[in-house]
C-alpha atoms as a PDB file:
ATOM      1  CA  MET A   1       0.084   0.279   0.187  1.00  0.00           C
ATOM      2  CA  THR A   2       1.924   3.645  -0.846  1.00  0.00           C
ATOM      3  CA  HIS A   3       1.564   6.447   1.239  1.00  0.00           C
ATOM      4  CA  ALA A   4      -0.511   8.376  -1.086  1.00  0.00           C
ATOM      5  CA  TRP A   5      -3.421   5.889  -1.410  1.00  0.00           C
ATOM      6  CA  ALA A   6      -3.220   5.036   2.423  1.00  0.00           C
ATOM      7  CA  ALA A   7      -3.693   9.326   2.687  1.00  0.00           C
ATOM      8  CA  GLY A   8      -6.615   9.423   0.194  1.00  0.00           C
ATOM      9  CA  TRP A   9      -8.097   6.233   2.073  1.00  0.00           C
ATOM     10  CA  ARG A  10      -7.709   7.925   5.342  1.00  0.00           C
ATOM     11  CA  ALA A  11      -9.547  11.081   4.174  1.00  0.00           C
ATOM     12  CA  CYS A  12     -12.230   9.381   2.646  1.00  0.00           C
ATOM     13  CA  ARG A  13     -12.830   7.534   5.629  1.00  0.00           C
ATOM     14  CA  ARG A  14     -12.833  10.362   7.877  1.00  0.00           C
ATOM     15  CA  ALA A  15     -14.686  12.757   5.737  1.00  0.00           C
ATOM     16  CA  LEU A  16     -17.396   9.289   5.688  1.00  0.00           C
ATOM     17  CA  THR A  17     -16.938   8.838   9.599  1.00  0.00           C
ATOM     18  CA  VAL A  18     -18.640  12.730   9.894  1.00  0.00           C
ATOM     19  CA  SER A  19     -21.408  11.724   7.501  1.00  0.00           C
ATOM     20  CA  CYS A  20     -22.063   8.622   9.561  1.00  0.00           C
ATOM     21  CA  GLY A  21     -21.829  10.683  12.555  1.00  0.00           C
ATOM     22  CA  LEU A  22     -24.515  12.903  11.762  1.00  0.00           C
ATOM     23  CA  PHE A  23     -26.856  10.842  10.051  1.00  0.00           C
ATOM     24  CA  CYS A  24     -26.691   8.328  13.723  1.00  0.00           C
ATOM     25  CA  ALA A  25     -27.337  11.757  15.815  1.00  0.00           C
ATOM     26  CA  PHE A  26     -30.679  11.780  14.055  1.00  0.00           C
ATOM     27  CA  ALA A  27     -31.390   8.630  16.149  1.00  0.00           C
ATOM     28  CA  SER A  28     -33.981   9.636  19.445  1.00  0.00           C
ATOM     29  CA  VAL A  29     -32.724   6.648  21.239  1.00  0.00           C
ATOM     30  CA  GLY A  30     -29.855   4.767  19.655  1.00  0.00           C
ATOM     31  CA  ARG A  31     -28.000   3.961  16.436  1.00  0.00           C
ATOM     32  CA  ALA A  32     -30.326   1.139  16.155  1.00  0.00           C
ATOM     33  CA  GLN A  33     -33.087   2.894  15.331  1.00  0.00           C
ATOM     34  CA  PRO A  34     -34.545   5.081  11.995  1.00  0.00           C
ATOM     35  CA  LEU A  35     -35.788   8.772  12.263  1.00  0.00           C
ATOM     36  CA  PRO A  36     -38.844   9.101  13.734  1.00  0.00           C
ATOM     37  CA  PRO A  37     -41.362  10.258  11.369  1.00  0.00           C
ATOM     38  CA  ALA A  38     -42.021  13.315  13.560  1.00  0.00           C
ATOM     39  CA  VAL A  39     -38.921  14.598  13.064  1.00  0.00           C
ATOM     40  CA  LYS A  40     -38.956  16.904   9.961  1.00  0.00           C
ATOM     41  CA  PHE A  41     -36.433  19.640   9.228  1.00  0.00           C
ATOM     42  CA  ASP A  42     -37.295  22.715   7.033  1.00  0.00           C
ATOM     43  CA  LEU A  43     -33.126  23.768   6.544  1.00  0.00           C
ATOM     44  CA  ARG A  44     -34.799  27.257   5.361  1.00  0.00           C
ATOM     45  CA  ALA A  45     -36.581  27.927   8.394  1.00  0.00           C
ATOM     46  CA  ALA A  46     -35.089  30.371  11.226  1.00  0.00           C
ATOM     47  CA  ARG A  47     -36.334  29.339  14.275  1.00  0.00           C
ATOM     48  CA  GLY A  48     -38.213  26.481  15.840  1.00  0.00           C
ATOM     49  CA  GLN A  49     -35.364  23.845  14.553  1.00  0.00           C
ATOM     50  CA  VAL A  50     -33.606  20.622  16.302  1.00  0.00           C
ATOM     51  CA  VAL A  51     -30.021  20.759  17.635  1.00  0.00           C
ATOM     52  CA  SER A  52     -28.517  17.595  16.418  1.00  0.00           C
ATOM     53  CA  PRO A  53     -25.017  16.125  18.652  1.00  0.00           C
ATOM     54  CA  VAL A  54     -22.723  14.736  15.980  1.00  0.00           C
ATOM     55  CA  PHE A  55     -19.908  12.193  17.107  1.00  0.00           C
ATOM     56  CA  GLU A  56     -16.786  13.293  15.493  1.00  0.00           C
ATOM     57  CA  GLY A  57     -14.397  10.391  16.328  1.00  0.00           C
ATOM     58  CA  TRP A  58     -11.972   9.036  18.923  1.00  0.00           C
ATOM     59  CA  TYR A  59      -8.099   9.529  18.934  1.00  0.00           C
ATOM     60  CA  GLN A  60      -5.762   8.845  22.115  1.00  0.00           C
ATOM     61  CA  LEU A  61      -3.074  11.093  23.674  1.00  0.00           C
ATOM     62  CA  ASP A  62      -0.522  10.636  26.399  1.00  0.00           C
ATOM     63  CA  GLY A  63      -2.159   7.418  27.302  1.00  0.00           C
ATOM     64  CA  MET A  64      -5.643   8.429  27.310  1.00  0.00           C
ATOM     65  CA  THR A  65      -8.560   7.850  24.991  1.00  0.00           C
ATOM     66  CA  TYR A  66     -10.567  10.924  23.920  1.00  0.00           C
ATOM     67  CA  ALA A  67     -14.358  10.913  22.475  1.00  0.00           C
ATOM     68  CA  LEU A  68     -14.688  13.759  20.675  1.00  0.00           C
ATOM     69  CA  PHE A  69     -17.890  15.574  19.780  1.00  0.00           C
ATOM     70  CA  GLY A  70     -19.761  18.744  17.760  1.00  0.00           C
ATOM     71  CA  TYR A  71     -23.386  19.853  17.209  1.00  0.00           C
ATOM     72  CA  TYR A  72     -25.251  20.395  14.149  1.00  0.00           C
ATOM     73  CA  ASN A  73     -27.843  23.798  15.317  1.00  0.00           C
ATOM     74  CA  ARG A  74     -30.634  23.554  11.842  1.00  0.00           C
ATOM     75  CA  ASN A  75     -31.548  26.973  12.730  1.00  0.00           C
ATOM     76  CA  LEU A  76     -30.819  29.807  10.695  1.00  0.00           C
ATOM     77  CA  GLU A  77     -30.957  32.630  13.125  1.00  0.00           C
ATOM     78  CA  GLU A  78     -31.849  30.637  16.609  1.00  0.00           C
ATOM     79  CA  VAL A  79     -29.458  30.690  18.809  1.00  0.00           C
ATOM     80  CA  VAL A  80     -30.288  27.844  21.470  1.00  0.00           C
ATOM     81  CA  ASP A  81     -29.965  27.360  25.174  1.00  0.00           C
ATOM     82  CA  VAL A  82     -30.196  24.468  26.479  1.00  0.00           C
ATOM     83  CA  PRO A  83     -28.876  24.028  30.607  1.00  0.00           C
ATOM     84  CA  VAL A  84     -27.288  20.506  31.486  1.00  0.00           C
ATOM     85  CA  GLY A  85     -30.259  18.537  33.076  1.00  0.00           C
ATOM     86  CA  PRO A  86     -32.562  15.963  31.337  1.00  0.00           C
ATOM     87  CA  ASP A  87     -32.455  18.027  28.005  1.00  0.00           C
ATOM     88  CA  ASN A  88     -28.798  17.941  27.745  1.00  0.00           C
ATOM     89  CA  ASN A  89     -26.245  15.247  29.365  1.00  0.00           C
ATOM     90  CA  VAL A  90     -23.789  12.571  28.816  1.00  0.00           C
ATOM     91  CA  GLN A  91     -24.414   8.993  29.802  1.00  0.00           C
ATOM     92  CA  PRO A  92     -22.629   6.978  31.780  1.00  0.00           C
ATOM     93  CA  GLY A  93     -21.325   9.092  34.778  1.00  0.00           C
ATOM     94  CA  PRO A  94     -22.313  12.531  35.892  1.00  0.00           C
ATOM     95  CA  ALA A  95     -24.679  14.452  33.445  1.00  0.00           C
ATOM     96  CA  ASP A  96     -22.286  17.574  33.076  1.00  0.00           C
ATOM     97  CA  GLN A  97     -19.321  16.548  31.144  1.00  0.00           C
ATOM     98  CA  ALA A  98     -18.451  19.958  30.300  1.00  0.00           C
ATOM     99  CA  GLN A  99     -20.848  20.090  26.962  1.00  0.00           C
ATOM    100  CA  PRO A 100     -21.763  23.304  25.207  1.00  0.00           C
ATOM    101  CA  THR A 101     -25.527  24.441  26.820  1.00  0.00           C
ATOM    102  CA  ARG A 102     -25.184  27.494  24.388  1.00  0.00           C
ATOM    103  CA  PHE A 103     -25.721  26.849  20.595  1.00  0.00           C
ATOM    104  CA  TYR A 104     -24.928  28.618  17.555  1.00  0.00           C
ATOM    105  CA  PRO A 105     -27.056  28.178  14.072  1.00  0.00           C
ATOM    106  CA  GLY A 106     -24.771  25.832  11.588  1.00  0.00           C
ATOM    107  CA  ARG A 107     -22.594  23.173  12.041  1.00  0.00           C
ATOM    108  CA  HIS A 108     -19.518  23.059  14.770  1.00  0.00           C
ATOM    109  CA  PHE A 109     -16.967  20.338  14.863  1.00  0.00           C
ATOM    110  CA  GLY A 110     -14.986  19.080  17.642  1.00  0.00           C
ATOM    111  CA  VAL A 111     -16.174  21.853  20.216  1.00  0.00           C
ATOM    112  CA  PHE A 112     -15.503  19.423  23.491  1.00  0.00           C
ATOM    113  CA  ALA A 113     -13.945  15.517  23.939  1.00  0.00           C
ATOM    114  CA  ILE A 114     -14.619  13.431  26.718  1.00  0.00           C
ATOM    115  CA  ALA A 115     -11.673  11.408  28.298  1.00  0.00           C
ATOM    116  CA  LEU A 116     -12.737   8.005  28.614  1.00  0.00           C
ATOM    117  CA  PRO A 117     -12.034   6.058  31.879  1.00  0.00           C
ATOM    118  CA  LYS A 118      -7.966   5.219  31.810  1.00  0.00           C
ATOM    119  CA  ASP A 119      -8.915   1.789  33.144  1.00  0.00           C
ATOM    120  CA  GLN A 120     -11.946   1.661  30.803  1.00  0.00           C
ATOM    121  CA  PRO A 121     -10.896   2.850  27.495  1.00  0.00           C
ATOM    122  CA  LYS A 122     -13.519   1.072  25.370  1.00  0.00           C
ATOM    123  CA  THR A 123     -16.350   3.002  27.512  1.00  0.00           C
ATOM    124  CA  GLU A 124     -19.279   3.789  25.154  1.00  0.00           C
ATOM    125  CA  VAL A 125     -20.546   7.530  26.340  1.00  0.00           C
ATOM    126  CA  LYS A 126     -23.586   8.608  24.753  1.00  0.00           C
ATOM    127  CA  TRP A 127     -24.531  12.625  24.247  1.00  0.00           C
ATOM    128  CA  THR A 128     -28.265  13.482  24.609  1.00  0.00           C
ATOM    129  CA  LEU A 129     -29.793  16.643  23.489  1.00  0.00           C
ATOM    130  CA  THR A 130     -33.884  17.727  23.428  1.00  0.00           C
ATOM    131  CA  VAL A 131     -34.378  20.759  21.193  1.00  0.00           C
ATOM    132  CA  ALA A 132     -37.905  21.814  20.081  1.00  0.00           C
ATOM    133  CA  GLY A 133     -39.340  18.882  21.568  1.00  0.00           C
ATOM    134  CA  GLN A 134     -37.146  16.413  19.803  1.00  0.00           C
ATOM    135  CA  THR A 135     -34.970  14.175  21.458  1.00  0.00           C
ATOM    136  CA  MET A 136     -31.623  13.018  19.957  1.00  0.00           C
ATOM    137  CA  ALA A 137     -28.813  10.888  21.053  1.00  0.00           C
ATOM    138  CA  ILE A 138     -25.224   9.958  19.589  1.00  0.00           C
ATOM    139  CA  PRO A 139     -23.116   7.568  21.241  1.00  0.00           C
ATOM    140  CA  SER A 140     -19.026   7.175  20.660  1.00  0.00           C
ATOM    141  CA  PHE A 141     -18.128   4.572  18.466  1.00  0.00           C
ATOM    142  CA  LEU A 142     -14.845   3.285  19.220  1.00  0.00           C
ATOM    143  CA  ASP A 143     -13.805   1.692  16.172  1.00  0.00           C
ATOM    144  CA  PRO A 144     -10.701   1.715  14.194  1.00  0.00           C
ATOM    145  CA  LEU A 145     -13.341   3.401  11.217  1.00  0.00           C
ATOM    146  CA  TYR A 146     -13.817   6.101  13.706  1.00  0.00           C
ATOM    147  CA  PHE A 147     -10.322   7.024  14.821  1.00  0.00           C
ATOM    148  CA  VAL A 148      -9.048  10.625  13.734  1.00  0.00           C
ATOM    149  CA  PHE A 149      -5.717  12.531  14.453  1.00  0.00           C
ATOM    150  CA  PRO A 150      -6.498  15.521  15.328  1.00  0.00           C
ATOM    151  CA  GLN A 151      -2.655  16.367  17.230  1.00  0.00           C
ATOM    152  CA  ARG A 152      -1.483  16.197  13.685  1.00  0.00           C
ATOM    153  CA  GLU A 153      -2.308  16.591   9.831  1.00  0.00           C
ATOM    154  CA  ASP A 154      -1.314  13.159   8.344  1.00  0.00           C
ATOM    155  CA  GLY A 155      -1.820  14.248   4.795  1.00  0.00           C
ATOM    156  CA  GLY A 156      -3.961  16.972   2.888  1.00  0.00           C
ATOM    157  CA  LEU A 157      -2.234  20.348   1.448  1.00  0.00           C
ATOM    158  CA  HIS A 158      -0.086  21.089   4.540  1.00  0.00           C
ATOM    159  CA  PRO A 159       0.742  17.495   6.302  1.00  0.00           C
ATOM    160  CA  GLY A 160       2.870  17.591   9.660  1.00  0.00           C
ATOM    161  CA  ASN A 161       0.624  20.850  10.488  1.00  0.00           C
ATOM    162  CA  THR A 162      -0.346  20.703  14.610  1.00  0.00           C
ATOM    163  CA  PRO A 163      -2.607  22.434  16.192  1.00  0.00           C
ATOM    164  CA  PRO A 164      -1.978  26.244  18.027  1.00  0.00           C
ATOM    165  CA  VAL A 165      -0.446  25.992  21.157  1.00  0.00           C
ATOM    166  CA  VAL A 166      -2.424  28.206  23.801  1.00  0.00           C
ATOM    167  CA  LYS A 167      -2.156  29.111  26.994  1.00  0.00           C
ATOM    168  CA  LEU A 168      -4.741  31.476  29.290  1.00  0.00           C
ATOM    169  CA  GLU A 169      -1.508  32.383  32.154  1.00  0.00           C
ATOM    170  CA  ALA A 170       1.590  34.005  31.388  1.00  0.00           C
ATOM    171  CA  SER A 171       3.169  31.403  33.175  1.00  0.00           C
ATOM    172  CA  GLY A 172       0.379  28.408  33.022  1.00  0.00           C
ATOM    173  CA  ALA A 173      -0.029  25.051  31.521  1.00  0.00           C
ATOM    174  CA  SER A 174      -0.248  24.908  27.744  1.00  0.00           C
ATOM    175  CA  VAL A 175      -2.676  23.104  25.858  1.00  0.00           C
ATOM    176  CA  GLN A 176      -2.553  21.678  22.160  1.00  0.00           C
ATOM    177  CA  GLY A 177      -5.576  20.322  20.591  1.00  0.00           C
ATOM    178  CA  PRO A 178      -9.694  19.678  21.081  1.00  0.00           C
ATOM    179  CA  ALA A 179      -9.070  18.555  24.740  1.00  0.00           C
ATOM    180  CA  GLY A 180      -8.363  21.865  26.086  1.00  0.00           C
ATOM    181  CA  LEU A 181      -7.934  23.207  29.087  1.00  0.00           C
ATOM    182  CA  THR A 182      -9.980  25.636  31.493  1.00  0.00           C
ATOM    183  CA  THR A 183      -9.038  28.768  34.362  1.00  0.00           C
ATOM    184  CA  ALA A 184     -11.729  30.748  36.548  1.00  0.00           C
ATOM    185  CA  ARG A 185     -12.385  34.295  36.479  1.00  0.00           C
ATOM    186  CA  THR A 186     -14.542  36.551  38.501  1.00  0.00           C
ATOM    187  CA  ALA A 187     -16.142  39.632  36.798  1.00  0.00           C
ATOM    188  CA  THR A 188     -19.214  42.094  37.406  1.00  0.00           C
ATOM    189  CA  VAL A 189     -22.120  43.198  35.620  1.00  0.00           C
ATOM    190  CA  GLY A 190     -20.967  45.711  33.244  1.00  0.00           C
ATOM    191  CA  THR A 191     -17.393  45.819  33.838  1.00  0.00           C
ATOM    192  CA  PRO A 192     -14.886  44.994  31.218  1.00  0.00           C
ATOM    193  CA  LEU A 193     -12.621  41.867  32.052  1.00  0.00           C
ATOM    194  CA  THR A 194      -9.736  41.350  30.423  1.00  0.00           C
ATOM    195  CA  LEU A 195      -8.943  38.259  28.634  1.00  0.00           C
ATOM    196  CA  GLU A 196      -5.317  37.709  27.808  1.00  0.00           C
ATOM    197  CA  VAL A 197      -4.476  34.791  25.294  1.00  0.00           C
ATOM    198  CA  TRP A 198      -0.610  33.328  24.409  1.00  0.00           C
ATOM    199  CA  VAL A 199      -0.183  31.349  21.941  1.00  0.00           C
ATOM    200  CA  THR A 200       2.370  29.617  18.724  1.00  0.00           C
ATOM    201  CA  ASP A 201       1.888  27.902  16.024  1.00  0.00           C
ATOM    202  CA  ASP A 202       3.650  25.906  13.639  1.00  0.00           C
ATOM    203  CA  GLY A 203       3.539  28.370  10.542  1.00  0.00           C
ATOM    204  CA  LEU A 204       1.541  25.943   8.810  1.00  0.00           C
ATOM    205  CA  PRO A 205      -0.900  26.699   6.643  1.00  0.00           C
ATOM    206  CA  PRO A 206       0.722  30.080   5.556  1.00  0.00           C
ATOM    207  CA  PRO A 207      -0.916  33.037   6.897  1.00  0.00           C
ATOM    208  CA  ALA A 208      -3.769  33.977   4.845  1.00  0.00           C
ATOM    209  CA  LYS A 209      -3.422  36.909   2.636  1.00  0.00           C
ATOM    210  CA  THR A 210      -6.485  38.667   4.278  1.00  0.00           C
ATOM    211  CA  PRO A 211      -7.529  39.131   7.602  1.00  0.00           C
ATOM    212  CA  ILE A 212      -9.546  36.436   9.201  1.00  0.00           C
ATOM    213  CA  VAL A 213     -13.025  37.341  10.616  1.00  0.00           C
ATOM    214  CA  ARG A 214     -15.273  34.947  12.208  1.00  0.00           C
ATOM    215  CA  THR A 215     -18.652  35.981  14.316  1.00  0.00           C
ATOM    216  CA  PRO A 216     -18.971  34.704  17.810  1.00  0.00           C
ATOM    217  CA  GLY A 217     -19.483  30.919  17.755  1.00  0.00           C
ATOM    218  CA  SER A 218     -18.748  30.525  13.777  1.00  0.00           C
ATOM    219  CA  ALA A 219     -18.229  26.855  13.019  1.00  0.00           C
ATOM    220  CA  ILE A 220     -14.718  26.295  11.910  1.00  0.00           C
ATOM    221  CA  SER A 221     -14.036  26.518   8.212  1.00  0.00           C
ATOM    222  CA  SER A 222     -13.626  23.450   5.866  1.00  0.00           C
ATOM    223  CA  ARG A 223     -10.268  24.968   4.451  1.00  0.00           C
ATOM    224  CA  PRO A 224      -6.933  26.045   5.446  1.00  0.00           C
ATOM    225  CA  GLN A 225      -6.915  29.772   6.872  1.00  0.00           C
ATOM    226  CA  GLY A 226      -4.025  30.597   8.759  1.00  0.00           C
ATOM    227  CA  LEU A 227      -3.839  31.152  12.374  1.00  0.00           C
ATOM    228  CA  ALA A 228      -7.315  33.032  13.888  1.00  0.00           C
ATOM    229  CA  LEU A 229      -8.698  32.908  17.313  1.00  0.00           C
ATOM    230  CA  THR A 230     -12.590  33.121  18.239  1.00  0.00           C
ATOM    231  CA  TRP A 231     -13.899  33.938  21.168  1.00  0.00           C
ATOM    232  CA  SER A 232     -17.864  32.791  22.446  1.00  0.00           C
ATOM    233  CA  VAL A 233     -20.185  31.948  24.947  1.00  0.00           C
ATOM    234  CA  TYR A 234     -20.111  28.366  26.144  1.00  0.00           C
ATOM    235  CA  ARG A 235     -22.425  28.397  28.890  1.00  0.00           C
ATOM    236  CA  GLY A 236     -24.431  31.609  30.678  1.00  0.00           C
ATOM    237  CA  PRO A 237     -27.583  32.828  31.719  1.00  0.00           C
ATOM    238  CA  GLY A 238     -27.350  35.946  29.675  1.00  0.00           C
ATOM    239  CA  ALA A 239     -25.535  38.056  26.716  1.00  0.00           C
ATOM    240  CA  ALA A 240     -21.707  38.779  27.020  1.00  0.00           C
ATOM    241  CA  ARG A 241     -20.152  41.534  24.265  1.00  0.00           C
ATOM    242  CA  PHE A 242     -16.265  40.772  23.129  1.00  0.00           C
ATOM    243  CA  GLU A 243     -13.993  43.285  22.348  1.00  0.00           C
ATOM    244  CA  PRO A 244     -13.365  42.377  19.597  1.00  0.00           C
ATOM    245  CA  SER A 245     -14.414  38.367  19.254  1.00  0.00           C
ATOM    246  CA  THR A 246     -11.726  38.081  16.964  1.00  0.00           C
ATOM    247  CA  PRO A 247      -8.382  39.478  18.283  1.00  0.00           C
ATOM    248  CA  ALA A 248      -5.463  40.316  16.303  1.00  0.00           C
ATOM    249  CA  ILE A 249      -2.154  37.979  17.264  1.00  0.00           C
ATOM    250  CA  GLU A 250       0.805  40.332  17.890  1.00  0.00           C
ATOM    251  CA  GLY A 251       3.983  39.005  19.194  1.00  0.00           C
ATOM    252  CA  GLY A 252       2.265  35.313  20.135  1.00  0.00           C
ATOM    253  CA  LYS A 253      -0.149  37.214  22.349  1.00  0.00           C
ATOM    254  CA  ALA A 254      -4.048  38.273  22.111  1.00  0.00           C
ATOM    255  CA  ARG A 255      -5.955  40.303  24.087  1.00  0.00           C
ATOM    256  CA  THR A 256      -9.846  41.183  24.404  1.00  0.00           C
ATOM    257  CA  VAL A 257     -12.163  42.571  26.838  1.00  0.00           C
ATOM    258  CA  VAL A 258     -15.566  40.907  27.593  1.00  0.00           C
ATOM    259  CA  THR A 259     -18.689  42.429  29.212  1.00  0.00           C
ATOM    260  CA  PHE A 260     -21.317  40.424  30.930  1.00  0.00           C
ATOM    261  CA  SER A 261     -25.185  41.662  30.845  1.00  0.00           C
ATOM    262  CA  GLN A 262     -26.257  39.514  33.581  1.00  0.00           C
ATOM    263  CA  PRO A 263     -24.986  37.642  36.930  1.00  0.00           C
ATOM    264  CA  GLY A 264     -24.364  34.444  36.803  1.00  0.00           C
ATOM    265  CA  ASP A 265     -21.879  31.582  36.060  1.00  0.00           C
ATOM    266  CA  TYR A 266     -20.675  31.769  32.651  1.00  0.00           C
ATOM    267  CA  MET A 267     -18.154  29.450  30.550  1.00  0.00           C
ATOM    268  CA  LEU A 268     -16.457  31.145  27.718  1.00  0.00           C
ATOM    269  CA  HIS A 269     -14.870  29.440  24.458  1.00  0.00           C
ATOM    270  CA  LEU A 270     -11.632  30.541  22.476  1.00  0.00           C
ATOM    271  CA  LEU A 271     -11.249  28.513  19.762  1.00  0.00           C
ATOM    272  CA  ALA A 272      -7.652  28.890  18.595  1.00  0.00           C
ATOM    273  CA  SER A 273      -7.711  27.453  14.753  1.00  0.00           C
ATOM    274  CA  ASP A 274      -4.898  27.351  12.119  1.00  0.00           C
ATOM    275  CA  SER A 275      -7.427  24.632   9.635  1.00  0.00           C
ATOM    276  CA  ARG A 276      -9.598  22.070   9.567  1.00  0.00           C
ATOM    277  CA  SER A 277      -9.497  19.085   7.211  1.00  0.00           C
ATOM    278  CA  GLY A 278     -10.316  15.436   6.485  1.00  0.00           C
ATOM    279  CA  THR A 279      -8.039  14.290   9.008  1.00  0.00           C
ATOM    280  CA  MET A 280      -9.574  16.319  11.800  1.00  0.00           C
ATOM    281  CA  CYS A 281      -7.185  18.834  12.346  1.00  0.00           C
ATOM    282  CA  CYS A 282      -5.825  21.459  13.350  1.00  0.00           C
ATOM    283  CA  TRP A 283      -7.349  23.385  16.429  1.00  0.00           C
ATOM    284  CA  THR A 284      -7.263  23.818  19.878  1.00  0.00           C
ATOM    285  CA  ASN A 285      -9.953  24.780  22.757  1.00  0.00           C
ATOM    286  CA  ALA A 286      -9.926  26.416  25.546  1.00  0.00           C
ATOM    287  CA  TYR A 287     -12.670  27.470  28.519  1.00  0.00           C
ATOM    288  CA  VAL A 288     -12.834  30.256  30.872  1.00  0.00           C
ATOM    289  CA  LYS A 289     -15.178  29.702  33.713  1.00  0.00           C
ATOM    290  CA  VAL A 290     -16.568  33.353  34.877  1.00  0.00           C
ATOM    291  CA  LYS A 291     -18.316  34.061  37.693  1.00  0.00           C
ATOM    292  CA  VAL A 292     -20.176  37.493  37.240  1.00  0.00           C
ATOM    293  CA  SER A 293     -22.173  39.356  40.613  1.00  0.00           C
ATOM    294  CA  GLY A 294     -23.730  42.677  40.646  1.00  0.00           C
ATOM    295  CA  SER A 295     -27.399  43.612  38.829  1.00  0.00           C
ATOM    296  CA  PRO A 296     -28.701  42.966  35.737  1.00  0.00           C
ATOM    297  CA  ALA A 297     -27.779  45.875  33.605  1.00  0.00           C
ATOM    298  CA  GLN A 298     -30.444  48.378  32.376  1.00  0.00           C
ATOM    299  CA  PRO A 299     -31.579  47.944  28.976  1.00  0.00           C
END
């Protein structure tokens, strides 16, 4: 088997993985059940459509096995909030396994990864979502067909490309890849909170000729596009304004400020991406938990 043939087969296999994962998410209880007749989609609808959990694949890193998940919000405009609980849970184990509770329109890849028990690396986990009266569940499939390589590009236009390396503290831990890291902050309603990020990359793919601009919560592009950062609300009771949501990186550092409209517990998501390909590479997730105090902002 030639390297070129093998690389081509891996790319096709992983593309099939994404398609199969999306199809399997349509089952209301498990992978063996067909799409319930009551589930109807209108891809032109701005609101009232379902959100499908998607299993992206599984991978191994530092002796651990991870199940990687994303989602597809079929609404053209509606941002959907589903708190952790009966309508948004992961099984087995605790219902809260760091899945999102805020879902932006469109297809979003590799939003979070679940570390499987080290003594039971073949554990099948299932993410269940109920939106618009429809329940959808997707289990992880630890079959070789679904094995992905989010830590290193093994084919495509830029073989050898790796995800950006991110730190949320100047002297803190770094992370590379979708498993992510989490830190904590406190803030007050109406008072800007400064968020700083330290990021390095391997230079692949080459920087884009035009600036990368993404809206908060936007999905990862399917084309190589150069290193870019995007902030969005991952969980929270209210809105947050990022200035800017896609900060420029200067000297390996980026800075933005965020202002909250409501008190409560939030989680912010930082997406550091330089590309996305059929091999499910290359981006890094990071999360910031923020406890916001104070009175609700006046309209």
